[in-house]
Amino acid sequence: MNAISIPAHFDGERILLDKPVELELNTKLIVTVLPKQDAEREAWLRLSGKGLEGAYSDAEEEYSLGSIKEANPEYAGR
């Protein structure tokens, strides 16, 4: 089996997987404890994610090289 990430949570007694997954007997696991995230941080992450979705969506217009009015001489990608 390839390495996969499975969301989970601690219920006060046990670590419980948040989605079903079939594991072979004696499968080795690594548990990473994530820091608690506050509601304000979560709101900012959602807001920035929506902005990125809009900026990089399939509906975003494609710009040709011909639409560039002035080239940046310091741009290394030319």
Protein backbone atom coordinates (compact mmCIF):
# COMPACT_ATOMS: atom_id res chain seq x y z
CA MET A 1 0.00 0.00 0.00
CA ASN A 2 1.23 3.50 -0.83
CA ALA A 3 1.51 6.12 1.90
CA ILE A 4 -1.79 7.95 2.40
CA SER A 5 -3.07 10.61 4.80
CA ILE A 6 -6.27 9.82 6.71
CA PRO A 7 -8.04 12.49 8.76
CA ALA A 8 -8.70 11.38 12.32
CA HIS A 9 -9.58 12.77 15.75
CA PHE A 10 -9.12 11.88 19.41
CA ASP A 11 -12.38 11.29 21.32
CA GLY A 12 -10.79 11.46 24.76
CA GLU A 13 -9.96 7.76 24.83
CA ARG A 14 -9.03 6.59 21.34
CA ILE A 15 -7.81 7.87 18.00
CA LEU A 16 -10.64 7.39 15.50
CA LEU A 17 -10.31 7.56 11.70
CA ASP A 18 -12.74 10.03 10.11
CA LYS A 19 -13.28 7.92 7.01
CA PRO A 20 -13.27 4.16 6.45
CA VAL A 21 -10.05 2.61 5.16
CA GLU A 22 -8.97 -1.01 4.89
CA LEU A 23 -5.61 -1.67 6.55
CA GLU A 24 -3.68 -4.91 6.59
CA LEU A 25 -2.85 -6.48 9.96
CA ASN A 26 0.20 -4.84 11.59
CA THR A 27 0.24 -1.93 9.11
CA LYS A 28 2.70 0.67 10.40
CA LEU A 29 1.23 4.11 11.05
CA ILE A 30 2.59 7.55 11.90
CA VAL A 31 0.35 9.81 13.97
CA THR A 32 0.90 13.56 13.65
CA VAL A 33 -0.79 15.78 16.22
CA LEU A 34 -1.84 19.04 14.58
CA PRO A 35 -2.07 22.33 16.47
CA LYS A 36 -5.55 23.52 17.35
CA GLN A 37 -6.71 26.13 14.86
CA ASP A 38 -8.83 29.03 15.97
CA ALA A 39 -11.99 30.14 14.19
CA GLU A 40 -10.48 33.41 12.92
CA ARG A 41 -7.59 31.58 11.24
CA GLU A 42 -10.01 29.11 9.66
CA ALA A 43 -12.11 32.00 8.30
CA TRP A 44 -9.03 33.65 6.75
CA LEU A 45 -7.95 30.35 5.19
CA ARG A 46 -11.41 29.86 3.64
CA LEU A 47 -11.45 33.44 2.34
CA SER A 48 -7.98 33.18 0.78
CA GLY A 49 -8.90 29.81 -0.74
CA LYS A 50 -11.95 31.33 -2.43
CA GLY A 51 -9.78 34.13 -3.81
CA LEU A 52 -7.33 31.64 -5.27
CA GLU A 53 -10.15 29.58 -6.76
CA GLY A 54 -11.43 32.69 -8.54
CA ALA A 55 -7.98 33.73 -9.76
CA TYR A 56 -7.08 30.29 -11.13
CA SER A 57 -10.47 28.99 -12.25
CA ASP A 58 -11.20 27.55 -15.69
CA ALA A 59 -13.26 30.70 -16.41
CA GLU A 60 -10.19 32.93 -16.01
CA GLU A 61 -9.20 34.60 -19.27
CA GLU A 62 -5.97 33.44 -20.92
CA TYR A 63 -3.57 36.20 -21.86
CA SER A 64 -1.24 35.88 -24.85
CA LEU A 65 2.33 37.19 -24.92
CA GLY A 66 1.12 39.72 -27.47
CA SER A 67 -1.05 41.38 -24.84
CA ILE A 68 2.02 42.46 -22.85
CA LYS A 69 2.52 46.21 -23.30
CA GLU A 70 5.92 46.51 -21.64
CA ALA A 71 8.33 43.62 -20.98
CA ASN A 72 10.04 43.34 -17.61
CA PRO A 73 13.79 43.26 -18.39
CA GLU A 74 14.53 41.68 -14.98
CA TYR A 75 12.20 38.72 -15.56
CA ALA A 76 14.36 35.56 -15.63
CA GLY A 77 11.80 33.38 -17.44
CA ARG A 78 12.38 34.77 -20.92
